[in-house]
Amino acid sequence: MVHAKVETGKLVVEGKTKKVFEIIGDNERVLIVSKDRITAGDGVKAHDMAGKSVISTATTSSIFEYLNTVGIKTHFLEKYDEKSFIAKKCDMIPIEWVARRVATGSFLKRNPGVKEGFRFAPLKLETFYKDDANHDPMWSYEELISAGLKVGPLTLGRREVDVLMKSTNCIFEILEKAWTAHDCSLIDMKVEYGVTPKGELVLADVIDSDSWRLWPAGDKRLMV
């Protein structure tokens, strides 16, 4: 598919694994460019890996395209090239929303009384305030509502938080079903949301191999 060439303007923001650029002459869209960067531990551990940006963009584009087709509102518009995609411009909510089907990883460190492999039904949902200096502290439902985060034209209150909780649950279950068809278990995943200039809540950021934990055939030993 041939795309009209876009001319990028100033760098809006640069994260650990991507850059977001303005598109000249376009106030509604941005270009999101993946980096050949792998990070872990709040970015403390990081290194470059050739080709990672291509894989990340392909994964993110495929996942967002699929979610768009099943009715999930996302910021994704179209894949631009092998390392970037075009998205709706939005202000990011500084919260990571984590959905867990199986207890493992950091959850066990915070909850030593829970055995690895414990299955959550319904899903276990957690929220973390994005603050690298303080290692992304976990926020309770009540803390999130009390914070009254102002994001773009929207203030996050109980209604908005409830909508995003339900959306996170729904997104996980949709992708869980898709991965099950490939004999792969979706163990946990994190997502982020944004607010468009019109005040619309949308799934944003990226969803790639850094966003989830997958166990082929449900076996942790096979995790890549």
C-alpha atoms as a PDB file:
ATOM      1  CA  MET A   1       0.000   0.000   0.000  1.00  0.00           C
ATOM      2  CA  VAL A   2       1.399   3.388  -1.027  1.00  0.00           C
ATOM      3  CA  HIS A   3       1.044   6.221   1.475  1.00  0.00           C
ATOM      4  CA  ALA A   4       1.222   9.916   0.776  1.00  0.00           C
ATOM      5  CA  LYS A   5       4.519  11.159   2.141  1.00  0.00           C
ATOM      6  CA  VAL A   6       4.210  13.113   5.369  1.00  0.00           C
ATOM      7  CA  GLU A   7       6.586  15.854   6.428  1.00  0.00           C
ATOM      8  CA  THR A   8       7.472  15.654  10.078  1.00  0.00           C
ATOM      9  CA  GLY A   9       7.790  18.705  12.266  1.00  0.00           C
ATOM     10  CA  LYS A  10       9.151  19.041  15.774  1.00  0.00           C
ATOM     11  CA  LEU A  11       9.676  16.161  18.150  1.00  0.00           C
ATOM     12  CA  VAL A  12       6.685  16.129  20.506  1.00  0.00           C
ATOM     13  CA  VAL A  13       8.043  13.588  22.967  1.00  0.00           C
ATOM     14  CA  GLU A  14      10.682  10.871  23.109  1.00  0.00           C
ATOM     15  CA  GLY A  15      10.220   7.780  25.234  1.00  0.00           C
ATOM     16  CA  LYS A  16      12.447   4.804  25.941  1.00  0.00           C
ATOM     17  CA  THR A  17      11.386   2.928  22.806  1.00  0.00           C
ATOM     18  CA  LYS A  18       9.768   5.471  20.486  1.00  0.00           C
ATOM     19  CA  LYS A  19       9.585   9.064  19.257  1.00  0.00           C
ATOM     20  CA  VAL A  20       6.452  11.073  18.471  1.00  0.00           C
ATOM     21  CA  PHE A  21       6.621  13.763  15.786  1.00  0.00           C
ATOM     22  CA  GLU A  22       4.221  16.455  14.646  1.00  0.00           C
ATOM     23  CA  ILE A  23       3.059  16.212  11.041  1.00  0.00           C
ATOM     24  CA  ILE A  24       3.459  19.578   9.323  1.00  0.00           C
ATOM     25  CA  GLY A  25       0.126  21.042   8.251  1.00  0.00           C
ATOM     26  CA  ASP A  26      -1.864  18.490  10.249  1.00  0.00           C
ATOM     27  CA  ASN A  27      -3.216  19.344  13.692  1.00  0.00           C
ATOM     28  CA  GLU A  28      -5.020  16.047  14.220  1.00  0.00           C
ATOM     29  CA  ARG A  29      -2.363  13.394  13.558  1.00  0.00           C
ATOM     30  CA  VAL A  30       1.174  12.490  14.648  1.00  0.00           C
ATOM     31  CA  LEU A  31       3.851  10.103  13.411  1.00  0.00           C
ATOM     32  CA  ILE A  32       5.055   7.537  15.958  1.00  0.00           C
ATOM     33  CA  VAL A  33       8.495   6.094  15.196  1.00  0.00           C
ATOM     34  CA  SER A  34       9.812   2.974  16.942  1.00  0.00           C
ATOM     35  CA  LYS A  35      13.422   2.744  18.141  1.00  0.00           C
ATOM     36  CA  ASP A  36      15.767  -0.254  18.111  1.00  0.00           C
ATOM     37  CA  ARG A  37      15.728  -0.187  21.890  1.00  0.00           C
ATOM     38  CA  ILE A  38      14.917  -2.810  24.510  1.00  0.00           C
ATOM     39  CA  THR A  39      14.401  -1.749  28.115  1.00  0.00           C
ATOM     40  CA  ALA A  40      13.613  -3.388  31.440  1.00  0.00           C
ATOM     41  CA  GLY A  41      13.366  -2.383  35.076  1.00  0.00           C
ATOM     42  CA  ASP A  42      11.953   1.131  34.518  1.00  0.00           C
ATOM     43  CA  GLY A  43      14.583   1.706  31.850  1.00  0.00           C
ATOM     44  CA  VAL A  44      17.524   0.925  34.146  1.00  0.00           C
ATOM     45  CA  LYS A  45      18.484  -1.930  31.850  1.00  0.00           C
ATOM     46  CA  ALA A  46      18.569  -1.006  28.179  1.00  0.00           C
ATOM     47  CA  HIS A  47      20.344  -1.942  24.978  1.00  0.00           C
ATOM     48  CA  ASP A  48      19.885  -1.628  21.237  1.00  0.00           C
ATOM     49  CA  MET A  49      18.790  -4.522  19.045  1.00  0.00           C
ATOM     50  CA  ALA A  50      18.869  -4.163  15.268  1.00  0.00           C
ATOM     51  CA  GLY A  51      15.472  -4.798  13.709  1.00  0.00           C
ATOM     52  CA  LYS A  52      13.521  -4.374  16.935  1.00  0.00           C
ATOM     53  CA  SER A  53      11.787  -1.241  15.628  1.00  0.00           C
ATOM     54  CA  VAL A  54      10.507  -3.112  12.570  1.00  0.00           C
ATOM     55  CA  ILE A  55       9.122  -5.965  14.668  1.00  0.00           C
ATOM     56  CA  SER A  56       7.545  -3.576  17.168  1.00  0.00           C
ATOM     57  CA  THR A  57       5.839  -1.523  14.466  1.00  0.00           C
ATOM     58  CA  ALA A  58       4.538  -4.619  12.686  1.00  0.00           C
ATOM     59  CA  THR A  59       3.155  -6.035  15.936  1.00  0.00           C
ATOM     60  CA  THR A  60       1.613  -2.775  17.109  1.00  0.00           C
ATOM     61  CA  SER A  61       0.028  -2.102  13.724  1.00  0.00           C
ATOM     62  CA  SER A  62      -1.468  -5.593  13.485  1.00  0.00           C
ATOM     63  CA  ILE A  63      -2.859  -5.487  17.023  1.00  0.00           C
ATOM     64  CA  PHE A  64      -4.354  -2.009  16.703  1.00  0.00           C
ATOM     65  CA  GLU A  65      -5.849  -2.812  13.290  1.00  0.00           C
ATOM     66  CA  TYR A  66      -7.487  -5.900  14.778  1.00  0.00           C
ATOM     67  CA  LEU A  67      -8.814  -4.022  17.805  1.00  0.00           C
ATOM     68  CA  ASN A  68     -10.194  -1.285  15.549  1.00  0.00           C
ATOM     69  CA  THR A  69     -12.147  -3.887  13.568  1.00  0.00           C
ATOM     70  CA  VAL A  70     -13.810  -5.292  16.697  1.00  0.00           C
ATOM     71  CA  GLY A  71     -14.923  -1.885  17.922  1.00  0.00           C
ATOM     72  CA  ILE A  72     -12.197  -0.795  20.348  1.00  0.00           C
ATOM     73  CA  LYS A  73     -11.464   2.929  20.077  1.00  0.00           C
ATOM     74  CA  THR A  74      -7.737   3.439  19.493  1.00  0.00           C
ATOM     75  CA  HIS A  75      -5.453   6.233  18.340  1.00  0.00           C
ATOM     76  CA  PHE A  76      -4.082   4.084  15.494  1.00  0.00           C
ATOM     77  CA  LEU A  77      -4.899   5.229  11.959  1.00  0.00           C
ATOM     78  CA  GLU A  78      -2.490   3.431   9.638  1.00  0.00           C
ATOM     79  CA  LYS A  79       0.968   1.957   9.332  1.00  0.00           C
ATOM     80  CA  TYR A  80       3.222   4.440   7.525  1.00  0.00           C
ATOM     81  CA  ASP A  81       6.406   2.459   6.922  1.00  0.00           C
ATOM     82  CA  GLU A  82       8.250  -0.434   8.512  1.00  0.00           C
ATOM     83  CA  LYS A  83       9.308   1.638  11.516  1.00  0.00           C
ATOM     84  CA  SER A  84       6.413   4.049  12.049  1.00  0.00           C
ATOM     85  CA  PHE A  85       2.659   4.538  12.083  1.00  0.00           C
ATOM     86  CA  ILE A  86       0.250   7.461  11.971  1.00  0.00           C
ATOM     87  CA  ALA A  87      -2.022   8.041  14.948  1.00  0.00           C
ATOM     88  CA  LYS A  88      -4.533  10.511  16.284  1.00  0.00           C
ATOM     89  CA  LYS A  89      -2.916  13.275  18.283  1.00  0.00           C
ATOM     90  CA  CYS A  90      -3.789  12.917  21.945  1.00  0.00           C
ATOM     91  CA  ASP A  91      -2.653  13.762  25.448  1.00  0.00           C
ATOM     92  CA  MET A  92      -1.464  10.674  27.285  1.00  0.00           C
ATOM     93  CA  ILE A  93      -2.918   9.642  30.629  1.00  0.00           C
ATOM     94  CA  PRO A  94       0.120   9.038  32.889  1.00  0.00           C
ATOM     95  CA  ILE A  95      -1.134   5.656  34.047  1.00  0.00           C
ATOM     96  CA  GLU A  96      -0.206   2.100  33.067  1.00  0.00           C
ATOM     97  CA  TRP A  97      -3.184  -0.244  33.220  1.00  0.00           C
ATOM     98  CA  VAL A  98      -2.146  -3.838  33.878  1.00  0.00           C
ATOM     99  CA  ALA A  99      -4.385  -6.879  33.443  1.00  0.00           C
ATOM    100  CA  ARG A 100      -3.270 -10.235  34.841  1.00  0.00           C
ATOM    101  CA  ARG A 101      -4.653 -13.706  34.178  1.00  0.00           C
ATOM    102  CA  VAL A 102      -1.886 -15.586  35.976  1.00  0.00           C
ATOM    103  CA  ALA A 103       0.181 -14.573  39.003  1.00  0.00           C
ATOM    104  CA  THR A 104       3.842 -14.258  38.050  1.00  0.00           C
ATOM    105  CA  GLY A 105       6.643 -11.694  37.754  1.00  0.00           C
ATOM    106  CA  SER A 106       6.443  -8.509  39.814  1.00  0.00           C
ATOM    107  CA  PHE A 107       3.050  -9.460  41.241  1.00  0.00           C
ATOM    108  CA  LEU A 108       4.694 -12.247  43.239  1.00  0.00           C
ATOM    109  CA  LYS A 109       7.256  -9.850  44.711  1.00  0.00           C
ATOM    110  CA  ARG A 110       4.488  -7.563  45.920  1.00  0.00           C
ATOM    111  CA  ASN A 111       2.308 -10.458  47.060  1.00  0.00           C
ATOM    112  CA  PRO A 112       4.656 -13.160  48.429  1.00  0.00           C
ATOM    113  CA  GLY A 113       1.736 -15.142  49.829  1.00  0.00           C
ATOM    114  CA  VAL A 114       0.426 -15.900  46.337  1.00  0.00           C
ATOM    115  CA  LYS A 115       1.884 -18.897  44.520  1.00  0.00           C
ATOM    116  CA  GLU A 116       3.120 -18.537  40.964  1.00  0.00           C
ATOM    117  CA  GLY A 117       0.561 -19.815  38.515  1.00  0.00           C
ATOM    118  CA  PHE A 118      -2.486 -18.738  40.517  1.00  0.00           C
ATOM    119  CA  ARG A 119      -5.201 -18.008  37.963  1.00  0.00           C
ATOM    120  CA  PHE A 120      -7.258 -14.843  38.319  1.00  0.00           C
ATOM    121  CA  ALA A 121     -10.909 -15.155  37.358  1.00  0.00           C
ATOM    122  CA  PRO A 122     -12.037 -12.465  36.863  1.00  0.00           C
ATOM    123  CA  LEU A 123      -8.878 -10.708  35.734  1.00  0.00           C
ATOM    124  CA  LYS A 124      -6.706  -8.893  38.248  1.00  0.00           C
ATOM    125  CA  LEU A 125      -6.494  -5.230  37.225  1.00  0.00           C
ATOM    126  CA  GLU A 126      -3.835  -2.858  38.566  1.00  0.00           C
ATOM    127  CA  THR A 127      -2.895   0.750  37.859  1.00  0.00           C
ATOM    128  CA  PHE A 128       0.549   2.351  38.115  1.00  0.00           C
ATOM    129  CA  TYR A 129       1.355   6.056  37.994  1.00  0.00           C
ATOM    130  CA  LYS A 130       4.070   6.702  35.402  1.00  0.00           C
ATOM    131  CA  ASP A 131       6.931   8.202  37.391  1.00  0.00           C
ATOM    132  CA  ASP A 132      10.375   6.770  36.620  1.00  0.00           C
ATOM    133  CA  ALA A 133      12.010   8.556  39.545  1.00  0.00           C
ATOM    134  CA  ASN A 134       9.713   6.715  41.951  1.00  0.00           C
ATOM    135  CA  HIS A 135       9.588   3.450  39.981  1.00  0.00           C
ATOM    136  CA  ASP A 136       5.989   3.825  38.782  1.00  0.00           C
ATOM    137  CA  PRO A 137       4.141   3.517  42.110  1.00  0.00           C
ATOM    138  CA  MET A 138       0.997   1.428  42.220  1.00  0.00           C
ATOM    139  CA  TRP A 139      -2.200   3.431  42.699  1.00  0.00           C
ATOM    140  CA  SER A 140      -5.423   2.076  44.120  1.00  0.00           C
ATOM    141  CA  TYR A 141      -8.783   2.653  42.454  1.00  0.00           C
ATOM    142  CA  GLU A 142      -9.559   5.248  45.111  1.00  0.00           C
ATOM    143  CA  GLU A 143      -6.222   7.047  44.666  1.00  0.00           C
ATOM    144  CA  LEU A 144      -6.751   7.248  40.927  1.00  0.00           C
ATOM    145  CA  ILE A 145     -10.186   8.800  41.317  1.00  0.00           C
ATOM    146  CA  SER A 146      -9.056  11.147  44.102  1.00  0.00           C
ATOM    147  CA  ALA A 147      -6.138  12.404  41.978  1.00  0.00           C
ATOM    148  CA  GLY A 148      -8.571  13.939  39.490  1.00  0.00           C
ATOM    149  CA  LEU A 149      -5.952  13.852  36.740  1.00  0.00           C
ATOM    150  CA  LYS A 150      -6.450  16.606  34.175  1.00  0.00           C
ATOM    151  CA  VAL A 151      -5.572  15.281  30.719  1.00  0.00           C
ATOM    152  CA  GLY A 152      -6.275  17.523  27.754  1.00  0.00           C
ATOM    153  CA  PRO A 153      -9.906  18.694  27.953  1.00  0.00           C
ATOM    154  CA  LEU A 154     -10.861  15.854  30.310  1.00  0.00           C
ATOM    155  CA  THR A 155     -10.636  15.332  34.063  1.00  0.00           C
ATOM    156  CA  LEU A 156     -10.524  11.694  35.136  1.00  0.00           C
ATOM    157  CA  GLY A 157     -13.294  10.994  37.603  1.00  0.00           C
ATOM    158  CA  ARG A 158     -15.083   7.826  38.644  1.00  0.00           C
ATOM    159  CA  ARG A 159     -16.942   7.474  35.341  1.00  0.00           C
ATOM    160  CA  GLU A 160     -13.793   7.743  33.232  1.00  0.00           C
ATOM    161  CA  VAL A 161     -11.830   5.382  35.475  1.00  0.00           C
ATOM    162  CA  ASP A 162     -14.636   2.814  35.329  1.00  0.00           C
ATOM    163  CA  VAL A 163     -14.732   3.066  31.530  1.00  0.00           C
ATOM    164  CA  LEU A 164     -10.977   2.492  31.296  1.00  0.00           C
ATOM    165  CA  MET A 165     -11.093  -0.427  33.734  1.00  0.00           C
ATOM    166  CA  LYS A 166     -13.791  -2.093  31.636  1.00  0.00           C
ATOM    167  CA  SER A 167     -11.884  -1.321  28.433  1.00  0.00           C
ATOM    168  CA  THR A 168      -8.690  -2.885  29.802  1.00  0.00           C
ATOM    169  CA  ASN A 169     -10.606  -6.007  30.785  1.00  0.00           C
ATOM    170  CA  CYS A 170     -12.267  -6.202  27.370  1.00  0.00           C
ATOM    171  CA  ILE A 171      -9.032  -5.648  25.427  1.00  0.00           C
ATOM    172  CA  PHE A 172      -7.258  -8.371  27.386  1.00  0.00           C
ATOM    173  CA  GLU A 173     -10.055 -10.888  26.806  1.00  0.00           C
ATOM    174  CA  ILE A 174     -10.167 -10.126  23.074  1.00  0.00           C
ATOM    175  CA  LEU A 175      -6.415 -10.660  22.688  1.00  0.00           C
ATOM    176  CA  GLU A 176      -6.431 -13.628  25.058  1.00  0.00           C
ATOM    177  CA  LYS A 177      -8.936 -15.369  22.795  1.00  0.00           C
ATOM    178  CA  ALA A 178      -6.876 -14.511  19.710  1.00  0.00           C
ATOM    179  CA  TRP A 179      -3.684 -15.927  21.241  1.00  0.00           C
ATOM    180  CA  THR A 180      -5.487 -19.053  22.450  1.00  0.00           C
ATOM    181  CA  ALA A 181      -6.277 -19.820  18.808  1.00  0.00           C
ATOM    182  CA  HIS A 182      -2.501 -20.003  18.299  1.00  0.00           C
ATOM    183  CA  ASP A 183      -1.993 -22.264  21.339  1.00  0.00           C
ATOM    184  CA  CYS A 184      -0.441 -19.431  23.300  1.00  0.00           C
ATOM    185  CA  SER A 185      -1.549 -18.136  26.706  1.00  0.00           C
ATOM    186  CA  LEU A 186      -1.721 -14.408  27.345  1.00  0.00           C
ATOM    187  CA  ILE A 187      -0.514 -14.169  30.949  1.00  0.00           C
ATOM    188  CA  ASP A 188      -0.539 -10.423  31.565  1.00  0.00           C
ATOM    189  CA  MET A 189      -0.320  -7.184  29.629  1.00  0.00           C
ATOM    190  CA  LYS A 190      -0.097  -3.438  30.084  1.00  0.00           C
ATOM    191  CA  VAL A 191      -1.845  -0.733  28.089  1.00  0.00           C
ATOM    192  CA  GLU A 192      -2.035   3.044  28.088  1.00  0.00           C
ATOM    193  CA  TYR A 193      -4.765   5.466  27.083  1.00  0.00           C
ATOM    194  CA  GLY A 194      -4.931   8.956  25.688  1.00  0.00           C
ATOM    195  CA  VAL A 195      -7.452  11.772  25.334  1.00  0.00           C
ATOM    196  CA  THR A 196      -8.071  13.388  21.949  1.00  0.00           C
ATOM    197  CA  PRO A 197      -8.600  17.164  21.627  1.00  0.00           C
ATOM    198  CA  LYS A 198     -12.336  16.393  21.454  1.00  0.00           C
ATOM    199  CA  GLY A 199     -12.217  14.637  24.816  1.00  0.00           C
ATOM    200  CA  GLU A 200     -12.467  11.090  23.482  1.00  0.00           C
ATOM    201  CA  LEU A 201     -10.783   8.311  25.476  1.00  0.00           C
ATOM    202  CA  VAL A 202      -8.740   6.046  23.200  1.00  0.00           C
ATOM    203  CA  LEU A 203      -6.329   3.151  23.579  1.00  0.00           C
ATOM    204  CA  ALA A 204      -2.948   4.675  22.743  1.00  0.00           C
ATOM    205  CA  ASP A 205       0.830   4.236  22.911  1.00  0.00           C
ATOM    206  CA  VAL A 206       1.880   0.839  21.484  1.00  0.00           C
ATOM    207  CA  ILE A 207       1.092  -2.831  22.032  1.00  0.00           C
ATOM    208  CA  ASP A 208       4.064  -5.027  21.181  1.00  0.00           C
ATOM    209  CA  SER A 209       6.269  -7.724  22.710  1.00  0.00           C
ATOM    210  CA  ASP A 210       7.238  -5.322  25.522  1.00  0.00           C
ATOM    211  CA  SER A 211       3.571  -4.941  26.478  1.00  0.00           C
ATOM    212  CA  TRP A 212       2.692  -8.509  27.388  1.00  0.00           C
ATOM    213  CA  ARG A 213       3.825 -11.853  28.690  1.00  0.00           C
ATOM    214  CA  LEU A 214       3.065 -14.902  26.545  1.00  0.00           C
ATOM    215  CA  TRP A 215       3.496 -18.564  27.442  1.00  0.00           C
ATOM    216  CA  PRO A 216       3.425 -20.865  24.392  1.00  0.00           C
ATOM    217  CA  ALA A 217       1.182 -23.858  25.138  1.00  0.00           C
ATOM    218  CA  GLY A 218       0.670 -22.313  28.583  1.00  0.00           C
ATOM    219  CA  ASP A 219       4.214 -23.298  29.605  1.00  0.00           C
ATOM    220  CA  LYS A 220       6.426 -20.635  31.200  1.00  0.00           C
ATOM    221  CA  ARG A 221       9.539 -22.589  30.201  1.00  0.00           C
ATOM    222  CA  LEU A 222       8.736 -21.927  26.534  1.00  0.00           C
ATOM    223  CA  MET A 223       8.495 -18.155  26.971  1.00  0.00           C
ATOM    224  CA  VAL A 224      10.759 -16.322  24.551  1.00  0.00           C
END
